């Protein structure tokens, strides 16, 4: 059976060599602040918050470390959304001294390095700044970096398109919450499968309806037998 805490996420078939290894992953949630949410125009704030919530729950379920940070939570950007630390109580918050780029903060970089993990999964608000800057710097420092675009937000669609182009040019791998969940999930033949299944209802609400319909059909079949 696949074990999320094993050294490698490669399955017996050999598949997965190019995918994220959960045992080497570190999740960085950057500046998901209430004030900044009010400027997001490329994704609905409800979808954005739900996707971040899913990542927090996924990290807890698969025992993946999480680091959060905010540049100036006492200012106009506002406090971090509370759901992150609610659903990922193991997350470590690193305060900054006003630096826009988290990678400019020595404490933040030291915390990342102390994890010993080289695969960084980033999301934040704004994508074009709060994610972009540390993502490019982390790539330059030798990390494998993924940017979760629908767990991030920007002031415009134009900013999102420019960010995507610059990510690709800089070697940062764009991904989505649904892809991240599936990539770390990998197989239904694992003890956490039922709990992982519930998370799909967050990233794809219609999937929750499919699961509910299936469960009701199974119940009806049992009652009729």
Protein backbone atom coordinates (compact mmCIF):
# COMPACT_ATOMS: atom_id res chain seq x y z
CA UNK A 1 0.00 0.00 0.00
CA UNK A 2 1.22 3.49 -0.84
CA UNK A 3 2.53 5.41 2.16
CA UNK A 4 2.59 9.20 1.97
CA UNK A 5 5.48 9.29 4.43
CA UNK A 6 7.70 6.91 2.46
CA UNK A 7 10.96 8.15 0.97
CA UNK A 8 9.52 8.20 -2.54
CA UNK A 9 6.08 8.63 -4.05
CA UNK A 10 6.92 6.35 -6.98
CA UNK A 11 4.45 3.49 -7.22
CA UNK A 12 5.48 -0.13 -7.91
CA UNK A 13 4.65 0.40 -11.59
CA UNK A 14 7.32 3.09 -11.80
CA UNK A 15 4.79 5.89 -12.22
CA UNK A 16 5.21 9.15 -10.38
CA UNK A 17 8.90 9.81 -10.87
CA UNK A 18 8.08 13.26 -12.27
CA UNK A 19 5.46 14.09 -9.62
CA UNK A 20 5.68 15.68 -6.17
CA UNK A 21 7.10 13.44 -3.46
CA UNK A 22 5.07 14.23 -0.29
CA UNK A 23 8.02 13.28 1.92
CA UNK A 24 10.06 16.08 0.31
CA UNK A 25 7.29 18.70 0.16
CA UNK A 26 6.89 21.88 2.17
CA UNK A 27 3.81 24.10 1.81
CA UNK A 28 4.25 27.87 2.00
CA UNK A 29 1.08 29.96 2.37
CA UNK A 30 1.98 33.58 1.83
CA UNK A 31 0.03 36.70 2.78
CA UNK A 32 -3.52 35.30 2.59
CA UNK A 33 -4.69 38.47 4.35
CA UNK A 34 -8.20 39.84 4.67
CA UNK A 35 -7.35 43.28 3.31
CA UNK A 36 -5.65 41.86 0.24
CA UNK A 37 -8.63 39.59 -0.44
CA UNK A 38 -10.67 42.71 -1.20
CA UNK A 39 -8.40 43.48 -4.17
CA UNK A 40 -8.60 40.02 -5.79
CA UNK A 41 -10.41 40.06 -9.15
CA UNK A 42 -9.15 36.99 -11.03
CA UNK A 43 -10.92 34.44 -8.82
CA UNK A 44 -13.87 34.71 -6.46
CA UNK A 45 -12.78 35.19 -2.87
CA UNK A 46 -15.03 32.32 -1.74
CA UNK A 47 -13.33 29.94 -4.20
CA UNK A 48 -9.90 31.21 -3.19
CA UNK A 49 -10.53 30.72 0.52
CA UNK A 50 -12.06 27.28 -0.04
CA UNK A 51 -9.02 26.18 -2.05
CA UNK A 52 -6.64 27.41 0.65
CA UNK A 53 -8.74 25.59 3.23
CA UNK A 54 -8.37 22.39 1.21
CA UNK A 55 -4.59 22.74 1.13
CA UNK A 56 -4.49 23.21 4.90
CA UNK A 57 -6.61 20.10 5.43
CA UNK A 58 -4.52 18.12 2.94
CA UNK A 59 -1.30 19.11 4.69
CA UNK A 60 -2.68 17.90 8.03
CA UNK A 61 -3.98 14.65 6.56
CA UNK A 62 -0.68 13.79 4.86
CA UNK A 63 1.56 15.25 7.57
CA UNK A 64 3.16 17.82 5.26
CA UNK A 65 4.75 20.79 7.07
CA UNK A 66 3.30 24.26 6.48
CA UNK A 67 4.84 27.69 6.91
CA UNK A 68 2.69 30.82 6.88
CA UNK A 69 3.78 34.44 6.89
CA UNK A 70 2.53 37.99 6.44
CA UNK A 71 4.46 41.16 5.72
CA UNK A 72 2.44 43.61 7.81
CA UNK A 73 -0.60 41.98 9.46
CA UNK A 74 -1.23 44.99 11.69
CA UNK A 75 -1.56 47.28 8.65
CA UNK A 76 -4.06 47.72 5.86
CA UNK A 77 -3.34 44.28 4.35
CA UNK A 78 -5.11 42.76 7.36
CA UNK A 79 -4.66 39.53 9.33
CA UNK A 80 -4.21 36.07 7.87
CA UNK A 81 -7.36 34.09 7.16
CA UNK A 82 -7.91 32.01 10.32
CA UNK A 83 -8.88 28.82 8.46
CA UNK A 84 -5.26 28.04 7.66
CA UNK A 85 -4.13 27.56 11.24
CA UNK A 86 -7.51 26.12 12.20
CA UNK A 87 -7.23 23.26 9.70
CA UNK A 88 -3.45 22.99 9.81
CA UNK A 89 -2.69 23.47 13.52
CA UNK A 90 0.86 22.26 12.93
CA UNK A 91 1.54 25.25 10.62
CA UNK A 92 4.35 27.54 11.75
CA UNK A 93 3.87 31.29 11.41
CA UNK A 94 6.95 33.37 10.63
CA UNK A 95 6.45 37.13 11.14
CA UNK A 96 8.21 39.51 8.81
CA UNK A 97 9.53 42.99 9.41
CA UNK A 98 7.68 44.60 6.52
CA UNK A 99 9.51 42.86 3.67
CA UNK A 100 7.27 42.50 0.60
CA UNK A 101 9.24 39.47 -0.57
CA UNK A 102 9.19 36.72 2.07
CA UNK A 103 12.56 35.50 0.78
CA UNK A 104 14.08 38.83 1.90
CA UNK A 105 13.35 37.82 5.50
CA UNK A 106 16.18 35.82 7.03
CA UNK A 107 13.93 34.09 9.57
CA UNK A 108 11.59 32.86 6.84
CA UNK A 109 14.41 31.50 4.68
CA UNK A 110 16.02 29.86 7.72
CA UNK A 111 12.73 28.14 8.59
CA UNK A 112 12.40 26.84 5.02
CA UNK A 113 15.97 25.54 5.03
CA UNK A 114 15.59 23.91 8.44
CA UNK A 115 12.81 21.70 7.08
CA UNK A 116 15.36 19.86 4.95
CA UNK A 117 12.78 19.68 2.16
CA UNK A 118 13.54 20.81 -1.38
CA UNK A 119 10.08 20.82 -2.99
CA UNK A 120 8.19 24.01 -2.17
CA UNK A 121 4.46 24.34 -2.82
CA UNK A 122 3.50 28.02 -2.72
CA UNK A 123 0.25 29.95 -2.77
CA UNK A 124 -0.58 33.49 -1.73
CA UNK A 125 -2.09 36.89 -2.41
CA UNK A 126 -0.99 38.56 -4.65
CA UNK A 127 0.21 35.91 -7.07
CA UNK A 128 2.27 38.47 -8.99
CA UNK A 129 4.09 39.63 -5.86
CA UNK A 130 3.68 37.55 -2.71
CA UNK A 131 4.10 34.27 -4.60
CA UNK A 132 6.17 35.42 -7.58
CA UNK A 133 9.08 36.99 -5.72
CA UNK A 134 9.88 34.19 -3.24
CA UNK A 135 9.14 31.56 -5.89
CA UNK A 136 11.76 32.96 -8.25
CA UNK A 137 14.25 33.45 -5.42
CA UNK A 138 13.67 29.89 -4.18
CA UNK A 139 14.28 28.56 -7.69
CA UNK A 140 17.53 30.52 -7.79
CA UNK A 141 18.45 28.92 -4.45
CA UNK A 142 18.01 25.43 -5.92
CA UNK A 143 14.49 24.50 -4.81
CA UNK A 144 11.86 22.78 -6.92
CA UNK A 145 8.92 25.20 -6.77
CA UNK A 146 5.21 24.79 -7.52
CA UNK A 147 2.78 27.72 -7.57
CA UNK A 148 -0.85 26.83 -6.83
CA UNK A 149 -2.60 29.43 -8.95
CA UNK A 150 -6.20 28.95 -7.81
CA UNK A 151 -5.15 29.14 -4.16
CA UNK A 152 -3.66 32.52 -5.03
CA UNK A 153 -5.20 35.74 -6.30
CA UNK A 154 -4.34 38.91 -8.22
CA UNK A 155 -5.94 42.30 -8.89
CA UNK A 156 -6.68 41.44 -12.54
CA UNK A 157 -6.75 38.72 -15.17
CA UNK A 158 -3.90 40.56 -16.90
CA UNK A 159 -1.75 40.24 -13.79
CA UNK A 160 -2.56 36.53 -13.64
CA UNK A 161 -1.53 35.96 -17.26
CA UNK A 162 1.71 37.86 -16.81
CA UNK A 163 2.44 35.92 -13.61
CA UNK A 164 1.90 32.58 -15.34
CA UNK A 165 4.27 33.54 -18.15
CA UNK A 166 6.95 34.68 -15.72
CA UNK A 167 6.57 31.54 -13.61
CA UNK A 168 7.17 29.35 -16.64
CA UNK A 169 10.09 31.49 -17.82
CA UNK A 170 11.64 31.28 -14.36
CA UNK A 171 11.24 27.52 -13.94
CA UNK A 172 8.38 27.66 -11.42
CA UNK A 173 5.77 24.97 -12.08
CA UNK A 174 2.15 26.22 -12.15
CA UNK A 175 -0.50 23.90 -10.75
CA UNK A 176 -4.05 23.92 -9.33
CA UNK A 177 -5.57 22.75 -6.08
CA UNK A 178 -7.31 19.86 -7.82
CA UNK A 179 -4.06 18.75 -9.47
CA UNK A 180 -2.16 19.12 -6.18
CA UNK A 181 -4.70 17.01 -4.31
CA UNK A 182 -4.64 14.28 -6.96
CA UNK A 183 -0.85 14.37 -7.27
CA UNK A 184 -0.34 13.85 -3.54
CA UNK A 185 -3.26 11.40 -3.27
CA UNK A 186 -1.96 9.08 -6.02
CA UNK A 187 -4.02 6.00 -5.15
CA UNK A 188 -7.29 5.07 -3.47
CA UNK A 189 -5.54 2.03 -1.95
CA UNK A 190 -4.41 3.92 1.14
CA UNK A 191 -5.83 4.31 4.65
CA UNK A 192 -6.60 8.02 4.22
CA UNK A 193 -8.65 7.45 1.03
CA UNK A 194 -12.05 8.27 2.55
CA UNK A 195 -10.83 11.53 4.07
CA UNK A 196 -9.03 12.47 0.87
CA UNK A 197 -12.24 11.83 -1.04
CA UNK A 198 -14.00 14.49 1.04
CA UNK A 199 -11.42 17.07 -0.03
CA UNK A 200 -12.41 16.70 -3.68
CA UNK A 201 -15.74 18.22 -2.72
CA UNK A 202 -13.88 21.41 -1.79
CA UNK A 203 -11.88 21.81 -5.00
CA UNK A 204 -14.73 20.52 -7.21
CA UNK A 205 -18.09 21.08 -5.44
CA UNK A 206 -19.96 19.14 -8.12
CA UNK A 207 -17.89 16.10 -7.20
CA UNK A 208 -19.47 16.21 -3.74
CA UNK A 209 -22.87 15.88 -5.42
CA UNK A 210 -21.61 12.86 -7.38
CA UNK A 211 -20.38 11.23 -4.16
CA UNK A 212 -23.68 11.93 -2.39
CA UNK A 213 -25.68 10.45 -5.28
CA UNK A 214 -23.51 7.35 -5.32
CA UNK A 215 -23.83 6.87 -1.56
CA UNK A 216 -27.61 7.20 -1.76
CA UNK A 217 -27.80 4.70 -4.63
CA UNK A 218 -25.71 2.23 -2.66
CA UNK A 219 -27.99 2.69 0.37
CA UNK A 220 -31.10 2.11 -1.78
CA UNK A 221 -29.57 -1.04 -3.25
CA UNK A 222 -28.83 -2.41 0.22
CA UNK A 223 -32.34 -1.64 1.43
CA UNK A 224 -33.86 -3.39 -1.60
CA UNK A 225 -31.81 -6.56 -1.17
